[in-house]
N, C-alpha and C. Protein backbone atom coordinates (compact mmCIF):
# COMPACT_ATOMS: atom_id res chain seq x y z
N MET A 1 4.20 -3.68 55.81
CA MET A 1 3.09 -3.34 54.93
C MET A 1 3.65 -2.92 53.58
N SER A 2 3.07 -3.43 52.52
CA SER A 2 3.60 -3.10 51.21
C SER A 2 3.11 -1.72 50.77
N GLN A 3 3.85 -1.15 49.84
CA GLN A 3 3.58 0.19 49.34
C GLN A 3 2.27 0.24 48.56
N ILE A 4 1.55 1.32 48.74
CA ILE A 4 0.29 1.51 48.02
C ILE A 4 0.56 2.34 46.79
N ASN A 5 0.06 1.87 45.67
CA ASN A 5 0.22 2.55 44.39
C ASN A 5 -1.13 2.94 43.82
N LEU A 6 -1.10 3.98 43.02
CA LEU A 6 -2.25 4.24 42.17
C LEU A 6 -2.23 3.17 41.09
N VAL A 7 -3.39 2.66 40.75
CA VAL A 7 -3.47 1.57 39.78
C VAL A 7 -4.58 1.87 38.78
N TRP A 8 -4.23 1.75 37.52
CA TRP A 8 -5.21 1.79 36.44
C TRP A 8 -5.48 0.37 36.01
N VAL A 9 -6.72 0.02 35.81
CA VAL A 9 -7.09 -1.26 35.19
C VAL A 9 -7.93 -0.92 33.97
N VAL A 10 -7.45 -1.36 32.82
CA VAL A 10 -8.12 -1.10 31.55
C VAL A 10 -8.32 -2.44 30.86
N TYR A 11 -9.51 -2.67 30.32
CA TYR A 11 -9.75 -3.97 29.69
C TYR A 11 -10.56 -3.86 28.42
N ASP A 12 -10.37 -4.87 27.60
CA ASP A 12 -11.13 -5.03 26.35
C ASP A 12 -11.58 -6.49 26.34
N ILE A 13 -12.87 -6.69 26.59
CA ILE A 13 -13.41 -8.03 26.78
C ILE A 13 -14.65 -8.19 25.92
N THR A 14 -14.74 -9.31 25.23
CA THR A 14 -15.83 -9.52 24.28
C THR A 14 -17.15 -9.94 24.94
N SER A 15 -17.08 -10.75 25.99
CA SER A 15 -18.28 -11.28 26.62
C SER A 15 -18.82 -10.32 27.68
N ASN A 16 -20.12 -10.04 27.64
CA ASN A 16 -20.74 -9.17 28.65
C ASN A 16 -20.57 -9.74 30.05
N ARG A 17 -20.76 -11.05 30.17
CA ARG A 17 -20.65 -11.69 31.49
C ARG A 17 -19.23 -11.55 32.04
N THR A 18 -18.24 -11.82 31.22
CA THR A 18 -16.85 -11.71 31.65
C THR A 18 -16.52 -10.27 32.01
N ARG A 19 -16.98 -9.33 31.19
CA ARG A 19 -16.75 -7.90 31.44
C ARG A 19 -17.34 -7.50 32.79
N SER A 20 -18.53 -8.00 33.08
CA SER A 20 -19.18 -7.69 34.36
C SER A 20 -18.39 -8.27 35.54
N LEU A 21 -17.87 -9.48 35.36
CA LEU A 21 -17.09 -10.11 36.44
C LEU A 21 -15.81 -9.34 36.71
N ILE A 22 -15.16 -8.85 35.65
CA ILE A 22 -13.94 -8.06 35.84
C ILE A 22 -14.27 -6.74 36.53
N ALA A 23 -15.36 -6.09 36.10
CA ALA A 23 -15.77 -4.83 36.73
C ALA A 23 -16.06 -5.05 38.21
N ARG A 24 -16.75 -6.15 38.52
CA ARG A 24 -17.07 -6.45 39.93
C ARG A 24 -15.79 -6.70 40.73
N ALA A 25 -14.83 -7.40 40.14
CA ALA A 25 -13.56 -7.66 40.83
C ALA A 25 -12.84 -6.34 41.13
N CYS A 26 -12.86 -5.43 40.17
CA CYS A 26 -12.22 -4.13 40.38
C CYS A 26 -12.92 -3.36 41.50
N LYS A 27 -14.24 -3.35 41.48
CA LYS A 27 -15.00 -2.65 42.53
C LYS A 27 -14.75 -3.30 43.89
N ASN A 28 -14.70 -4.62 43.92
CA ASN A 28 -14.46 -5.32 45.20
C ASN A 28 -13.09 -5.00 45.78
N LYS A 29 -12.15 -4.64 44.92
CA LYS A 29 -10.81 -4.25 45.40
C LYS A 29 -10.75 -2.77 45.78
N GLY A 30 -11.88 -2.07 45.61
CA GLY A 30 -11.93 -0.67 46.00
C GLY A 30 -11.58 0.31 44.90
N LEU A 31 -11.49 -0.17 43.67
CA LEU A 31 -11.19 0.73 42.55
C LEU A 31 -12.45 1.45 42.13
N TYR A 32 -12.28 2.61 41.49
CA TYR A 32 -13.38 3.43 41.02
C TYR A 32 -13.43 3.42 39.51
N ARG A 33 -14.62 3.28 38.98
CA ARG A 33 -14.78 3.28 37.53
C ARG A 33 -14.61 4.71 37.02
N VAL A 34 -13.77 4.89 36.02
CA VAL A 34 -13.59 6.20 35.42
C VAL A 34 -14.11 6.24 33.98
N GLN A 35 -14.22 5.09 33.37
CA GLN A 35 -14.87 4.94 32.08
C GLN A 35 -15.47 3.55 32.07
N LYS A 36 -16.18 3.19 31.02
CA LYS A 36 -16.87 1.90 31.02
C LYS A 36 -15.91 0.73 31.20
N SER A 37 -14.71 0.81 30.67
CA SER A 37 -13.75 -0.29 30.80
C SER A 37 -12.45 0.18 31.42
N ALA A 38 -12.52 1.14 32.32
CA ALA A 38 -11.31 1.66 32.98
C ALA A 38 -11.61 1.96 34.45
N PHE A 39 -10.75 1.46 35.33
CA PHE A 39 -10.88 1.69 36.76
C PHE A 39 -9.59 2.29 37.29
N LEU A 40 -9.71 3.04 38.37
CA LEU A 40 -8.57 3.71 39.00
C LEU A 40 -8.74 3.63 40.51
N GLY A 41 -7.64 3.49 41.21
CA GLY A 41 -7.70 3.49 42.67
C GLY A 41 -6.35 3.19 43.27
N ARG A 42 -6.34 2.95 44.56
CA ARG A 42 -5.10 2.69 45.28
C ARG A 42 -5.10 1.24 45.78
N LEU A 43 -4.05 0.51 45.44
CA LEU A 43 -3.89 -0.87 45.89
C LEU A 43 -2.46 -1.09 46.32
N ASN A 44 -2.26 -2.00 47.27
CA ASN A 44 -0.89 -2.39 47.59
C ASN A 44 -0.50 -3.57 46.69
N ARG A 45 0.74 -3.97 46.80
CA ARG A 45 1.24 -5.03 45.90
C ARG A 45 0.46 -6.33 46.02
N THR A 46 0.09 -6.67 47.24
CA THR A 46 -0.67 -7.91 47.45
C THR A 46 -2.03 -7.82 46.76
N GLN A 47 -2.69 -6.68 46.90
CA GLN A 47 -4.00 -6.51 46.26
C GLN A 47 -3.88 -6.52 44.74
N ILE A 48 -2.81 -5.94 44.22
CA ILE A 48 -2.60 -5.96 42.76
C ILE A 48 -2.43 -7.39 42.28
N GLU A 49 -1.65 -8.16 43.01
CA GLU A 49 -1.42 -9.56 42.63
C GLU A 49 -2.72 -10.37 42.73
N GLU A 50 -3.50 -10.12 43.78
CA GLU A 50 -4.79 -10.81 43.92
C GLU A 50 -5.71 -10.48 42.75
N LEU A 51 -5.75 -9.21 42.37
CA LEU A 51 -6.60 -8.80 41.24
C LEU A 51 -6.11 -9.45 39.95
N ARG A 52 -4.80 -9.51 39.77
CA ARG A 52 -4.24 -10.15 38.57
C ARG A 52 -4.69 -11.61 38.48
N VAL A 53 -4.62 -12.32 39.59
CA VAL A 53 -5.00 -13.74 39.60
C VAL A 53 -6.49 -13.89 39.31
N ILE A 54 -7.30 -13.04 39.92
CA ILE A 54 -8.75 -13.10 39.69
C ILE A 54 -9.05 -12.86 38.21
N CYS A 55 -8.45 -11.83 37.65
CA CYS A 55 -8.70 -11.50 36.24
C CYS A 55 -8.23 -12.63 35.32
N GLU A 56 -7.07 -13.18 35.65
CA GLU A 56 -6.52 -14.26 34.84
C GLU A 56 -7.46 -15.47 34.83
N ASP A 57 -8.10 -15.72 35.96
CA ASP A 57 -9.03 -16.86 36.07
C ASP A 57 -10.33 -16.61 35.31
N ILE A 58 -10.69 -15.34 35.13
CA ILE A 58 -11.98 -15.00 34.52
C ILE A 58 -11.91 -14.89 33.00
N ILE A 59 -10.85 -14.28 32.49
CA ILE A 59 -10.83 -13.92 31.06
C ILE A 59 -10.50 -15.12 30.16
N ASP A 60 -10.81 -14.94 28.89
CA ASP A 60 -10.37 -15.87 27.86
C ASP A 60 -9.12 -15.23 27.23
N PRO A 61 -7.95 -15.79 27.48
CA PRO A 61 -6.72 -15.15 27.00
C PRO A 61 -6.61 -15.10 25.47
N GLU A 62 -7.46 -15.85 24.80
CA GLU A 62 -7.43 -15.83 23.33
C GLU A 62 -8.19 -14.63 22.76
N THR A 63 -9.14 -14.09 23.53
CA THR A 63 -9.96 -13.00 23.00
C THR A 63 -9.97 -11.74 23.87
N ASP A 64 -9.62 -11.86 25.14
CA ASP A 64 -9.75 -10.74 26.08
C ASP A 64 -8.38 -10.19 26.48
N SER A 65 -8.40 -8.94 26.94
CA SER A 65 -7.17 -8.37 27.49
C SER A 65 -7.51 -7.51 28.70
N VAL A 66 -6.64 -7.58 29.70
CA VAL A 66 -6.75 -6.74 30.90
C VAL A 66 -5.36 -6.19 31.16
N TYR A 67 -5.28 -4.86 31.27
CA TYR A 67 -4.02 -4.20 31.59
C TYR A 67 -4.12 -3.66 33.01
N ILE A 68 -3.11 -3.93 33.81
CA ILE A 68 -3.03 -3.40 35.17
C ILE A 68 -1.76 -2.55 35.23
N PHE A 69 -1.94 -1.24 35.40
CA PHE A 69 -0.83 -0.29 35.39
C PHE A 69 -0.64 0.33 36.77
N PRO A 70 0.30 -0.16 37.57
CA PRO A 70 0.61 0.54 38.83
C PRO A 70 1.41 1.80 38.50
N MET A 71 1.12 2.88 39.22
CA MET A 71 1.82 4.14 38.98
C MET A 71 2.20 4.76 40.33
N CYS A 72 3.34 5.41 40.38
CA CYS A 72 3.69 6.17 41.57
C CYS A 72 3.03 7.56 41.45
N GLU A 73 2.96 8.26 42.57
CA GLU A 73 2.30 9.58 42.58
C GLU A 73 2.97 10.54 41.59
N GLU A 74 4.30 10.47 41.53
CA GLU A 74 5.03 11.37 40.63
C GLU A 74 4.63 11.13 39.18
N ASP A 75 4.58 9.88 38.78
CA ASP A 75 4.17 9.57 37.40
C ASP A 75 2.71 9.95 37.17
N PHE A 76 1.88 9.76 38.18
CA PHE A 76 0.46 10.08 38.01
C PHE A 76 0.27 11.57 37.74
N ARG A 77 1.08 12.42 38.38
CA ARG A 77 0.97 13.87 38.16
C ARG A 77 1.34 14.24 36.73
N LYS A 78 2.01 13.36 36.02
CA LYS A 78 2.39 13.63 34.63
C LYS A 78 1.29 13.25 33.64
N VAL A 79 0.24 12.60 34.13
CA VAL A 79 -0.86 12.21 33.25
C VAL A 79 -1.53 13.47 32.71
N ARG A 80 -1.79 13.48 31.44
CA ARG A 80 -2.47 14.61 30.79
C ARG A 80 -3.79 14.12 30.22
N LEU A 81 -4.82 14.86 30.50
CA LEU A 81 -6.15 14.55 29.98
C LEU A 81 -6.36 15.35 28.71
N LEU A 82 -6.70 14.68 27.66
CA LEU A 82 -7.03 15.33 26.39
C LEU A 82 -8.50 15.08 26.12
N GLY A 83 -9.21 16.10 25.80
CA GLY A 83 -10.63 15.93 25.51
C GLY A 83 -11.46 15.96 26.77
N ARG A 84 -12.59 15.34 26.69
CA ARG A 84 -13.58 15.37 27.76
C ARG A 84 -13.13 14.57 28.97
N ALA A 85 -13.42 15.09 30.14
CA ALA A 85 -13.08 14.39 31.38
C ALA A 85 -14.00 13.20 31.57
N PHE A 86 -13.87 12.57 32.71
CA PHE A 86 -14.62 11.36 33.00
C PHE A 86 -16.11 11.58 32.96
N ASP A 87 -16.82 10.49 32.78
CA ASP A 87 -18.27 10.52 32.85
C ASP A 87 -18.67 10.76 34.31
N PRO A 88 -19.31 11.91 34.60
CA PRO A 88 -19.61 12.23 35.99
C PRO A 88 -20.52 11.23 36.68
N GLU A 89 -21.28 10.46 35.91
CA GLU A 89 -22.16 9.46 36.52
C GLU A 89 -21.40 8.21 36.95
N LEU A 90 -20.22 8.00 36.39
CA LEU A 90 -19.44 6.80 36.71
C LEU A 90 -18.36 7.06 37.75
N VAL A 91 -17.97 8.32 37.94
CA VAL A 91 -16.78 8.63 38.73
C VAL A 91 -17.15 9.20 40.09
N SER A 92 -16.42 8.77 41.10
CA SER A 92 -16.65 9.28 42.44
C SER A 92 -15.87 10.58 42.65
N ASP A 93 -16.18 11.27 43.71
CA ASP A 93 -15.47 12.50 44.04
C ASP A 93 -14.00 12.22 44.35
N GLU A 94 -13.71 11.01 44.89
CA GLU A 94 -12.32 10.68 45.21
C GLU A 94 -11.45 10.67 43.95
N VAL A 95 -11.96 10.12 42.87
CA VAL A 95 -11.20 10.08 41.62
C VAL A 95 -11.06 11.49 41.07
N LYS A 96 -12.12 12.29 41.13
CA LYS A 96 -12.02 13.66 40.64
C LYS A 96 -10.95 14.42 41.41
N ALA A 97 -10.85 14.19 42.72
CA ALA A 97 -9.86 14.88 43.54
C ALA A 97 -8.43 14.50 43.14
N LEU A 98 -8.23 13.30 42.62
CA LEU A 98 -6.90 12.89 42.19
C LEU A 98 -6.40 13.74 41.04
N PHE A 99 -7.31 14.32 40.28
CA PHE A 99 -6.92 15.10 39.11
C PHE A 99 -6.92 16.60 39.36
N LEU A 100 -7.15 17.03 40.58
CA LEU A 100 -7.10 18.48 40.87
C LEU A 100 -5.68 18.95 41.03
């Protein structure tokens, strides 16, 4: 079984339809929305690769960007939040617990 990592997915996409498809792909992989264009969750290497392929098939590489950042737990603990925390209507309790 491959190692499970915390994964951030952040995107900047011009088309509403494409943006919705990327958001759906992230949700289908079990990621949680933390901002309108940012998802967080735990995926193994195979799931990360599957998500990469799905995103690559959906986006227009000339206008869109999708960043997939796998992080280990140690690096995640180094994350610092500046300003307002996540939108409580978009974030699940599981994501909030990651930041306690």
